[in-house]
Amino acid sequence: MIKETEMTFDELLNYVKTDVKVGDVLEISYNRIFAPGEVLGFTEEDDVTGEGFRVSLQLNGEILNQSVEIDFNEIEGDLLEMRHITDEKELVIEIL
């Protein structure tokens, strides 16, 4: 069953930190980019370099199948929607 909800960016960031696990699937839509992939890991914020919370994804696709790291601080203003898929649930989060 697919559930839908709305969150602010800060609520979404907290949700990713607490509820998303390695092996889950995230589909992140920001700007004109759609990045669907399996979560490989997380990297906490780094005050020294100024990098934000990052999620590493193994992208799904027939043509493009590579790993990327998405810095949530860099996409904050462009983030439109995120879909979190596990074996038990599918949650679509619209960013306010």
PDB file of N, CA and C in Angstrom:
ATOM      1  N   MET A   1       0.833  -1.175   0.000  1.00  0.00           N
ATOM      2  CA  MET A   1       0.000   0.000   0.000  1.00  0.00           C
ATOM      3  C   MET A   1       0.883   1.245   0.000  1.00  0.00           C
ATOM      4  N   ILE A   2       0.534   2.182  -0.823  1.00  0.00           N
ATOM      5  CA  ILE A   2       1.299   3.426  -0.925  1.00  0.00           C
ATOM      6  C   ILE A   2       0.645   4.485  -0.044  1.00  0.00           C
ATOM      7  N   LYS A   3       1.455   5.096   0.820  1.00  0.00           N
ATOM      8  CA  LYS A   3       0.982   6.195   1.655  1.00  0.00           C
ATOM      9  C   LYS A   3       1.646   7.474   1.162  1.00  0.00           C
ATOM     10  N   GLU A   4       0.956   8.584   1.320  1.00  0.00           N
ATOM     11  CA  GLU A   4       1.490   9.880   0.927  1.00  0.00           C
ATOM     12  C   GLU A   4       1.439  10.820   2.115  1.00  0.00           C
ATOM     13  N   THR A   5       2.456  11.690   2.206  1.00  0.00           N
ATOM     14  CA  THR A   5       2.505  12.670   3.276  1.00  0.00           C
ATOM     15  C   THR A   5       3.265  13.901   2.796  1.00  0.00           C
ATOM     16  N   GLU A   6       3.187  14.953   3.565  1.00  0.00           N
ATOM     17  CA  GLU A   6       3.934  16.177   3.287  1.00  0.00           C
ATOM     18  C   GLU A   6       4.842  16.459   4.470  1.00  0.00           C
ATOM     19  N   MET A   7       6.044  16.946   4.174  1.00  0.00           N
ATOM     20  CA  MET A   7       7.012  17.280   5.220  1.00  0.00           C
ATOM     21  C   MET A   7       7.797  18.513   4.807  1.00  0.00           C
ATOM     22  N   THR A   8       8.281  19.227   5.809  1.00  0.00           N
ATOM     23  CA  THR A   8       9.252  20.278   5.535  1.00  0.00           C
ATOM     24  C   THR A   8      10.603  19.616   5.275  1.00  0.00           C
ATOM     25  N   PHE A   9      11.566  20.379   4.793  1.00  0.00           N
ATOM     26  CA  PHE A   9      12.885  19.812   4.536  1.00  0.00           C
ATOM     27  C   PHE A   9      13.494  19.260   5.821  1.00  0.00           C
ATOM     28  N   ASP A  10      13.380  19.992   6.928  1.00  0.00           N
ATOM     29  CA  ASP A  10      13.955  19.527   8.194  1.00  0.00           C
ATOM     30  C   ASP A  10      13.299  18.241   8.679  1.00  0.00           C
ATOM     31  N   GLU A  11      11.986  18.127   8.520  1.00  0.00           N
ATOM     32  CA  GLU A  11      11.295  16.895   8.896  1.00  0.00           C
ATOM     33  C   GLU A  11      11.757  15.734   8.019  1.00  0.00           C
ATOM     34  N   LEU A  12      11.933  15.989   6.715  1.00  0.00           N
ATOM     35  CA  LEU A  12      12.405  14.948   5.810  1.00  0.00           C
ATOM     36  C   LEU A  12      13.804  14.494   6.194  1.00  0.00           C
ATOM     37  N   LEU A  13      14.689  15.432   6.486  1.00  0.00           N
ATOM     38  CA  LEU A  13      16.054  15.089   6.869  1.00  0.00           C
ATOM     39  C   LEU A  13      16.060  14.232   8.130  1.00  0.00           C
ATOM     40  N   ASN A  14      15.247  14.594   9.105  1.00  0.00           N
ATOM     41  CA  ASN A  14      15.127  13.795  10.331  1.00  0.00           C
ATOM     42  C   ASN A  14      14.561  12.403  10.017  1.00  0.00           C
ATOM     43  N   TYR A  15      13.587  12.332   9.111  1.00  0.00           N
ATOM     44  CA  TYR A  15      13.002  11.052   8.716  1.00  0.00           C
ATOM     45  C   TYR A  15      14.070  10.154   8.085  1.00  0.00           C
ATOM     46  N   VAL A  16      14.875  10.705   7.181  1.00  0.00           N
ATOM     47  CA  VAL A  16      15.918   9.921   6.518  1.00  0.00           C
ATOM     48  C   VAL A  16      16.917   9.403   7.548  1.00  0.00           C
ATOM     49  N   LYS A  17      17.296  10.254   8.486  1.00  0.00           N
ATOM     50  CA  LYS A  17      18.280   9.864   9.505  1.00  0.00           C
ATOM     51  C   LYS A  17      17.754   8.763  10.429  1.00  0.00           C
ATOM     52  N   THR A  18      16.452   8.768  10.717  1.00  0.00           N
ATOM     53  CA  THR A  18      15.921   7.827  11.704  1.00  0.00           C
ATOM     54  C   THR A  18      15.234   6.600  11.103  1.00  0.00           C
ATOM     55  N   ASP A  19      14.609   6.744   9.925  1.00  0.00           N
ATOM     56  CA  ASP A  19      13.770   5.661   9.406  1.00  0.00           C
ATOM     57  C   ASP A  19      14.308   4.946   8.170  1.00  0.00           C
ATOM     58  N   VAL A  20      15.212   5.567   7.439  1.00  0.00           N
ATOM     59  CA  VAL A  20      15.738   4.936   6.231  1.00  0.00           C
ATOM     60  C   VAL A  20      16.940   4.070   6.610  1.00  0.00           C
ATOM     61  N   LYS A  21      16.956   2.857   6.106  1.00  0.00           N
ATOM     62  CA  LYS A  21      18.015   1.889   6.430  1.00  0.00           C
ATOM     63  C   LYS A  21      18.784   1.509   5.168  1.00  0.00           C
ATOM     64  N   VAL A  22      19.997   1.012   5.367  1.00  0.00           N
ATOM     65  CA  VAL A  22      20.787   0.488   4.260  1.00  0.00           C
ATOM     66  C   VAL A  22      20.006  -0.657   3.616  1.00  0.00           C
ATOM     67  N   GLY A  23      19.913  -0.651   2.301  1.00  0.00           N
ATOM     68  CA  GLY A  23      19.156  -1.668   1.573  1.00  0.00           C
ATOM     69  C   GLY A  23      17.783  -1.196   1.139  1.00  0.00           C
ATOM     70  N   ASP A  24      17.261  -0.135   1.771  1.00  0.00           N
ATOM     71  CA  ASP A  24      15.989   0.439   1.337  1.00  0.00           C
ATOM     72  C   ASP A  24      16.187   1.113  -0.015  1.00  0.00           C
ATOM     73  N   VAL A  25      15.097   1.394  -0.687  1.00  0.00           N
ATOM     74  CA  VAL A  25      15.151   2.120  -1.950  1.00  0.00           C
ATOM     75  C   VAL A  25      14.632   3.535  -1.726  1.00  0.00           C
ATOM     76  N   LEU A  26      15.400   4.512  -2.207  1.00  0.00           N
ATOM     77  CA  LEU A  26      14.968   5.909  -2.204  1.00  0.00           C
ATOM     78  C   LEU A  26      14.877   6.375  -3.648  1.00  0.00           C
ATOM     79  N   GLU A  27      13.799   7.072  -3.954  1.00  0.00           N
ATOM     80  CA  GLU A  27      13.656   7.732  -5.245  1.00  0.00           C
ATOM     81  C   GLU A  27      13.555   9.214  -4.938  1.00  0.00           C
ATOM     82  N   ILE A  28      14.599   9.952  -5.274  1.00  0.00           N
ATOM     83  CA  ILE A  28      14.689  11.363  -4.922  1.00  0.00           C
ATOM     84  C   ILE A  28      14.500  12.200  -6.181  1.00  0.00           C
ATOM     85  N   SER A  29      13.536  13.124  -6.138  1.00  0.00           N
ATOM     86  CA  SER A  29      13.274  14.032  -7.254  1.00  0.00           C
ATOM     87  C   SER A  29      13.658  15.445  -6.828  1.00  0.00           C
ATOM     88  N   TYR A  30      14.624  16.014  -7.533  1.00  0.00           N
ATOM     89  CA  TYR A  30      15.024  17.385  -7.241  1.00  0.00           C
ATOM     90  C   TYR A  30      15.441  18.065  -8.538  1.00  0.00           C
ATOM     91  N   ASN A  31      15.118  19.384  -8.614  1.00  0.00           N
ATOM     92  CA  ASN A  31      15.380  20.160  -9.819  1.00  0.00           C
ATOM     93  C   ASN A  31      14.824  19.390 -11.007  1.00  0.00           C
ATOM     94  N   ARG A  32      15.645  18.992 -11.956  1.00  0.00           N
ATOM     95  CA  ARG A  32      15.188  18.186 -13.092  1.00  0.00           C
ATOM     96  C   ARG A  32      15.792  16.786 -13.042  1.00  0.00           C
ATOM     97  N   ILE A  33      16.165  16.361 -11.854  1.00  0.00           N
ATOM     98  CA  ILE A  33      16.847  15.082 -11.685  1.00  0.00           C
ATOM     99  C   ILE A  33      15.952  14.113 -10.933  1.00  0.00           C
ATOM    100  N   PHE A  34      15.938  12.868 -11.392  1.00  0.00           N
ATOM    101  CA  PHE A  34      15.241  11.788 -10.711  1.00  0.00           C
ATOM    102  C   PHE A  34      16.290  10.732 -10.410  1.00  0.00           C
ATOM    103  N   ALA A  35      16.560  10.486  -9.138  1.00  0.00           N
ATOM    104  CA  ALA A  35      17.617   9.555  -8.729  1.00  0.00           C
ATOM    105  C   ALA A  35      17.020   8.410  -7.926  1.00  0.00           C
ATOM    106  N   PRO A  36      16.683   7.282  -8.590  1.00  0.00           N
ATOM    107  CA  PRO A  36      16.193   6.117  -7.858  1.00  0.00           C
ATOM    108  C   PRO A  36      17.339   5.157  -7.566  1.00  0.00           C
ATOM    109  N   GLY A  37      17.414   4.662  -6.344  1.00  0.00           N
ATOM    110  CA  GLY A  37      18.484   3.721  -6.054  1.00  0.00           C
ATOM    111  C   GLY A  37      18.386   3.099  -4.676  1.00  0.00           C
ATOM    112  N   GLU A  38      19.188   2.062  -4.496  1.00  0.00           N
ATOM    113  CA  GLU A  38      19.280   1.374  -3.213  1.00  0.00           C
ATOM    114  C   GLU A  38      20.267   2.101  -2.318  1.00  0.00           C
ATOM    115  N   VAL A  39      19.890   2.278  -1.055  1.00  0.00           N
ATOM    116  CA  VAL A  39      20.741   2.983  -0.097  1.00  0.00           C
ATOM    117  C   VAL A  39      21.945   2.105   0.261  1.00  0.00           C
ATOM    118  N   LEU A  40      23.141   2.669   0.054  1.00  0.00           N
ATOM    119  CA  LEU A  40      24.378   1.971   0.396  1.00  0.00           C
ATOM    120  C   LEU A  40      24.927   2.394   1.749  1.00  0.00           C
ATOM    121  N   GLY A  41      24.656   3.658   2.131  1.00  0.00           N
ATOM    122  CA  GLY A  41      25.178   4.145   3.403  1.00  0.00           C
ATOM    123  C   GLY A  41      24.879   5.610   3.610  1.00  0.00           C
ATOM    124  N   PHE A  42      25.282   6.100   4.773  1.00  0.00           N
ATOM    125  CA  PHE A  42      25.032   7.478   5.180  1.00  0.00           C
ATOM    126  C   PHE A  42      26.336   8.110   5.659  1.00  0.00           C
ATOM    127  N   THR A  43      26.475   9.403   5.444  1.00  0.00           N
ATOM    128  CA  THR A  43      27.616  10.157   5.943  1.00  0.00           C
ATOM    129  C   THR A  43      27.073  11.374   6.674  1.00  0.00           C
ATOM    130  N   GLU A  44      27.453  11.522   7.930  1.00  0.00           N
ATOM    131  CA  GLU A  44      26.969  12.639   8.733  1.00  0.00           C
ATOM    132  C   GLU A  44      27.560  13.964   8.245  1.00  0.00           C
ATOM    133  N   GLU A  45      26.967  15.057   8.712  1.00  0.00           N
ATOM    134  CA  GLU A  45      27.458  16.385   8.377  1.00  0.00           C
ATOM    135  C   GLU A  45      28.908  16.544   8.801  1.00  0.00           C
ATOM    136  N   ASP A  46      29.636  17.377   8.072  1.00  0.00           N
ATOM    137  CA  ASP A  46      31.032  17.647   8.387  1.00  0.00           C
ATOM    138  C   ASP A  46      31.200  19.155   8.515  1.00  0.00           C
ATOM    139  N   ASP A  47      31.335  19.633   9.751  1.00  0.00           N
ATOM    140  CA  ASP A  47      31.454  21.068   9.999  1.00  0.00           C
ATOM    141  C   ASP A  47      32.738  21.647   9.417  1.00  0.00           C
ATOM    142  N   VAL A  48      33.782  20.860   9.322  1.00  0.00           N
ATOM    143  CA  VAL A  48      35.067  21.343   8.806  1.00  0.00           C
ATOM    144  C   VAL A  48      34.970  21.651   7.320  1.00  0.00           C
ATOM    145  N   THR A  49      34.397  20.734   6.544  1.00  0.00           N
ATOM    146  CA  THR A  49      34.303  20.929   5.091  1.00  0.00           C
ATOM    147  C   THR A  49      33.022  21.633   4.673  1.00  0.00           C
ATOM    148  N   GLY A  50      32.031  21.694   5.562  1.00  0.00           N
ATOM    149  CA  GLY A  50      30.761  22.316   5.238  1.00  0.00           C
ATOM    150  C   GLY A  50      29.803  21.400   4.500  1.00  0.00           C
ATOM    151  N   GLU A  51      30.176  20.138   4.327  1.00  0.00           N
ATOM    152  CA  GLU A  51      29.284  19.194   3.659  1.00  0.00           C
ATOM    153  C   GLU A  51      28.135  18.829   4.588  1.00  0.00           C
ATOM    154  N   GLY A  52      26.965  18.605   3.996  1.00  0.00           N
ATOM    155  CA  GLY A  52      25.793  18.244   4.776  1.00  0.00           C
ATOM    156  C   GLY A  52      25.634  16.747   4.886  1.00  0.00           C
ATOM    157  N   PHE A  53      24.499  16.336   5.439  1.00  0.00           N
ATOM    158  CA  PHE A  53      24.167  14.920   5.556  1.00  0.00           C
ATOM    159  C   PHE A  53      24.081  14.338   4.152  1.00  0.00           C
ATOM    160  N   ARG A  54      24.758  13.201   3.921  1.00  0.00           N
ATOM    161  CA  ARG A  54      24.820  12.604   2.590  1.00  0.00           C
ATOM    162  C   ARG A  54      24.336  11.161   2.614  1.00  0.00           C
ATOM    163  N   VAL A  55      23.675  10.772   1.525  1.00  0.00           N
ATOM    164  CA  VAL A  55      23.203   9.409   1.328  1.00  0.00           C
ATOM    165  C   VAL A  55      23.873   8.867   0.075  1.00  0.00           C
ATOM    166  N   SER A  56      24.460   7.683   0.184  1.00  0.00           N
ATOM    167  CA  SER A  56      25.047   7.008  -0.975  1.00  0.00           C
ATOM    168  C   SER A  56      24.014   6.052  -1.548  1.00  0.00           C
ATOM    169  N   LEU A  57      23.819   6.132  -2.881  1.00  0.00           N
ATOM    170  CA  LEU A  57      22.839   5.296  -3.566  1.00  0.00           C
ATOM    171  C   LEU A  57      23.496   4.523  -4.696  1.00  0.00           C
ATOM    172  N   GLN A  58      23.075   3.288  -4.877  1.00  0.00           N
ATOM    173  CA  GLN A  58      23.409   2.511  -6.074  1.00  0.00           C
ATOM    174  C   GLN A  58      22.235   2.721  -7.011  1.00  0.00           C
ATOM    175  N   LEU A  59      22.430   3.528  -8.052  1.00  0.00           N
ATOM    176  CA  LEU A  59      21.332   3.878  -8.938  1.00  0.00           C
ATOM    177  C   LEU A  59      20.785   2.666  -9.667  1.00  0.00           C
ATOM    178  N   ASN A  60      19.463   2.665  -9.863  1.00  0.00           N
ATOM    179  CA  ASN A  60      18.784   1.615 -10.620  1.00  0.00           C
ATOM    180  C   ASN A  60      18.658   2.083 -12.060  1.00  0.00           C
ATOM    181  N   GLY A  61      18.907   1.209 -12.985  1.00  0.00           N
ATOM    182  CA  GLY A  61      18.712   1.568 -14.379  1.00  0.00           C
ATOM    183  C   GLY A  61      19.420   0.605 -15.292  1.00  0.00           C
ATOM    184  N   GLU A  62      18.912   0.537 -16.520  1.00  0.00           N
ATOM    185  CA  GLU A  62      19.517  -0.353 -17.502  1.00  0.00           C
ATOM    186  C   GLU A  62      20.730   0.282 -18.154  1.00  0.00           C
ATOM    187  N   ILE A  63      20.679   1.591 -18.377  1.00  0.00           N
ATOM    188  CA  ILE A  63      21.783   2.280 -19.038  1.00  0.00           C
ATOM    189  C   ILE A  63      22.763   2.835 -18.004  1.00  0.00           C
ATOM    190  N   LEU A  64      22.224   3.473 -16.984  1.00  0.00           N
ATOM    191  CA  LEU A  64      23.052   4.109 -15.966  1.00  0.00           C
ATOM    192  C   LEU A  64      22.895   3.340 -14.666  1.00  0.00           C
ATOM    193  N   ASN A  65      23.953   2.678 -14.227  1.00  0.00           N
ATOM    194  CA  ASN A  65      23.902   1.883 -13.001  1.00  0.00           C
ATOM    195  C   ASN A  65      25.197   2.139 -12.243  1.00  0.00           C
ATOM    196  N   GLN A  66      25.216   3.216 -11.496  1.00  0.00           N
ATOM    197  CA  GLN A  66      26.417   3.587 -10.760  1.00  0.00           C
ATOM    198  C   GLN A  66      26.045   4.064  -9.372  1.00  0.00           C
ATOM    199  N   SER A  67      27.041   4.246  -8.534  1.00  0.00           N
ATOM    200  CA  SER A  67      26.759   4.760  -7.199  1.00  0.00           C
ATOM    201  C   SER A  67      27.028   6.259  -7.172  1.00  0.00           C
ATOM    202  N   VAL A  68      26.196   6.967  -6.432  1.00  0.00           N
ATOM    203  CA  VAL A  68      26.319   8.412  -6.278  1.00  0.00           C
ATOM    204  C   VAL A  68      26.129   8.755  -4.808  1.00  0.00           C
ATOM    205  N   GLU A  69      26.601   9.926  -4.443  1.00  0.00           N
ATOM    206  CA  GLU A  69      26.402  10.441  -3.092  1.00  0.00           C
ATOM    207  C   GLU A  69      25.641  11.751  -3.209  1.00  0.00           C
ATOM    208  N   ILE A  70      24.506  11.834  -2.535  1.00  0.00           N
ATOM    209  CA  ILE A  70      23.659  13.018  -2.599  1.00  0.00           C
ATOM    210  C   ILE A  70      23.767  13.771  -1.286  1.00  0.00           C
ATOM    211  N   ASP A  71      24.187  15.032  -1.374  1.00  0.00           N
ATOM    212  CA  ASP A  71      24.316  15.915  -0.217  1.00  0.00           C
ATOM    213  C   ASP A  71      22.997  16.672  -0.067  1.00  0.00           C
ATOM    214  N   PHE A  72      22.270  16.408   1.008  1.00  0.00           N
ATOM    215  CA  PHE A  72      20.966  17.037   1.190  1.00  0.00           C
ATOM    216  C   PHE A  72      21.059  18.547   1.336  1.00  0.00           C
ATOM    217  N   ASN A  73      22.163  19.082   1.866  1.00  0.00           N
ATOM    218  CA  ASN A  73      22.310  20.534   1.947  1.00  0.00           C
ATOM    219  C   ASN A  73      22.339  21.164   0.561  1.00  0.00           C
ATOM    220  N   GLU A  74      22.953  20.475  -0.397  1.00  0.00           N
ATOM    221  CA  GLU A  74      23.083  21.029  -1.741  1.00  0.00           C
ATOM    222  C   GLU A  74      21.776  20.988  -2.523  1.00  0.00           C
ATOM    223  N   ILE A  75      20.883  20.067  -2.199  1.00  0.00           N
ATOM    224  CA  ILE A  75      19.628  19.966  -2.951  1.00  0.00           C
ATOM    225  C   ILE A  75      18.433  20.522  -2.189  1.00  0.00           C
ATOM    226  N   GLU A  76      18.660  21.114  -1.033  1.00  0.00           N
ATOM    227  CA  GLU A  76      17.560  21.564  -0.175  1.00  0.00           C
ATOM    228  C   GLU A  76      16.549  22.431  -0.916  1.00  0.00           C
ATOM    229  N   GLY A  77      16.987  23.429  -1.645  1.00  0.00           N
ATOM    230  CA  GLY A  77      16.062  24.331  -2.325  1.00  0.00           C
ATOM    231  C   GLY A  77      15.395  23.732  -3.546  1.00  0.00           C
ATOM    232  N   ASP A  78      15.955  22.658  -4.086  1.00  0.00           N
ATOM    233  CA  ASP A  78      15.435  22.044  -5.307  1.00  0.00           C
ATOM    234  C   ASP A  78      14.655  20.757  -5.059  1.00  0.00           C
ATOM    235  N   LEU A  79      14.654  20.267  -3.827  1.00  0.00           N
ATOM    236  CA  LEU A  79      14.021  18.984  -3.509  1.00  0.00           C
ATOM    237  C   LEU A  79      12.507  19.089  -3.662  1.00  0.00           C
ATOM    238  N   LEU A  80      11.932  18.201  -4.473  1.00  0.00           N
ATOM    239  CA  LEU A  80      10.498  18.212  -4.743  1.00  0.00           C
ATOM    240  C   LEU A  80       9.755  17.090  -4.037  1.00  0.00           C
ATOM    241  N   GLU A  81      10.310  15.875  -4.135  1.00  0.00           N
ATOM    242  CA  GLU A  81       9.617  14.705  -3.631  1.00  0.00           C
ATOM    243  C   GLU A  81      10.614  13.586  -3.371  1.00  0.00           C
ATOM    244  N   MET A  82      10.285  12.733  -2.421  1.00  0.00           N
ATOM    245  CA  MET A  82      11.093  11.553  -2.163  1.00  0.00           C
ATOM    246  C   MET A  82      10.156  10.382  -1.903  1.00  0.00           C
ATOM    247  N   ARG A  83      10.513   9.230  -2.453  1.00  0.00           N
ATOM    248  CA  ARG A  83       9.745   7.999  -2.245  1.00  0.00           C
ATOM    249  C   ARG A  83      10.648   7.029  -1.496  1.00  0.00           C
ATOM    250  N   HIS A  84      10.163   6.487  -0.380  1.00  0.00           N
ATOM    251  CA  HIS A  84      10.904   5.530   0.438  1.00  0.00           C
ATOM    252  C   HIS A  84      10.208   4.181   0.315  1.00  0.00           C
ATOM    253  N   ILE A  85      10.941   3.192  -0.214  1.00  0.00           N
ATOM    254  CA  ILE A  85      10.356   1.880  -0.474  1.00  0.00           C
ATOM    255  C   ILE A  85      11.110   0.823   0.326  1.00  0.00           C
ATOM    256  N   THR A  86      10.347   0.049   1.098  1.00  0.00           N
ATOM    257  CA  THR A  86      10.894  -1.098   1.825  1.00  0.00           C
ATOM    258  C   THR A  86      10.038  -2.311   1.465  1.00  0.00           C
ATOM    259  N   ASP A  87      10.361  -3.459   2.046  1.00  0.00           N
ATOM    260  CA  ASP A  87       9.549  -4.654   1.813  1.00  0.00           C
ATOM    261  C   ASP A  87       8.141  -4.494   2.380  1.00  0.00           C
ATOM    262  N   GLU A  88       8.005  -3.690   3.427  1.00  0.00           N
ATOM    263  CA  GLU A  88       6.725  -3.554   4.108  1.00  0.00           C
ATOM    264  C   GLU A  88       5.890  -2.375   3.649  1.00  0.00           C
ATOM    265  N   LYS A  89       6.526  -1.315   3.125  1.00  0.00           N
ATOM    266  CA  LYS A  89       5.758  -0.103   2.845  1.00  0.00           C
ATOM    267  C   LYS A  89       6.372   0.692   1.693  1.00  0.00           C
ATOM    268  N   GLU A  90       5.548   1.620   1.214  1.00  0.00           N
ATOM    269  CA  GLU A  90       6.002   2.606   0.232  1.00  0.00           C
ATOM    270  C   GLU A  90       5.425   3.935   0.663  1.00  0.00           C
ATOM    271  N   LEU A  91       6.288   4.903   0.911  1.00  0.00           N
ATOM    272  CA  LEU A  91       5.868   6.217   1.399  1.00  0.00           C
ATOM    273  C   LEU A  91       6.335   7.277   0.415  1.00  0.00           C
ATOM    274  N   VAL A  92       5.394   8.088  -0.063  1.00  0.00           N
ATOM    275  CA  VAL A  92       5.709   9.204  -0.944  1.00  0.00           C
ATOM    276  C   VAL A  92       5.656  10.470  -0.103  1.00  0.00           C
ATOM    277  N   ILE A  93       6.761  11.219  -0.099  1.00  0.00           N
ATOM    278  CA  ILE A  93       6.868  12.431   0.711  1.00  0.00           C
ATOM    279  C   ILE A  93       6.991  13.627  -0.218  1.00  0.00           C
ATOM    280  N   GLU A  94       6.026  14.525  -0.128  1.00  0.00           N
ATOM    281  CA  GLU A  94       6.081  15.773  -0.884  1.00  0.00           C
ATOM    282  C   GLU A  94       6.702  16.840   0.025  1.00  0.00           C
ATOM    283  N   ILE A  95       7.639  17.602  -0.519  1.00  0.00           N
ATOM    284  CA  ILE A  95       8.347  18.610   0.261  1.00  0.00           C
ATOM    285  C   ILE A  95       7.576  19.923   0.231  1.00  0.00           C
ATOM    286  N   LEU A  96       7.326  20.483   1.399  1.00  0.00           N
ATOM    287  CA  LEU A  96       6.625  21.773   1.511  1.00  0.00           C
ATOM    288  C   LEU A  96       7.573  22.927   1.314  1.00  0.00           C
TER     289      LEU A  96
END
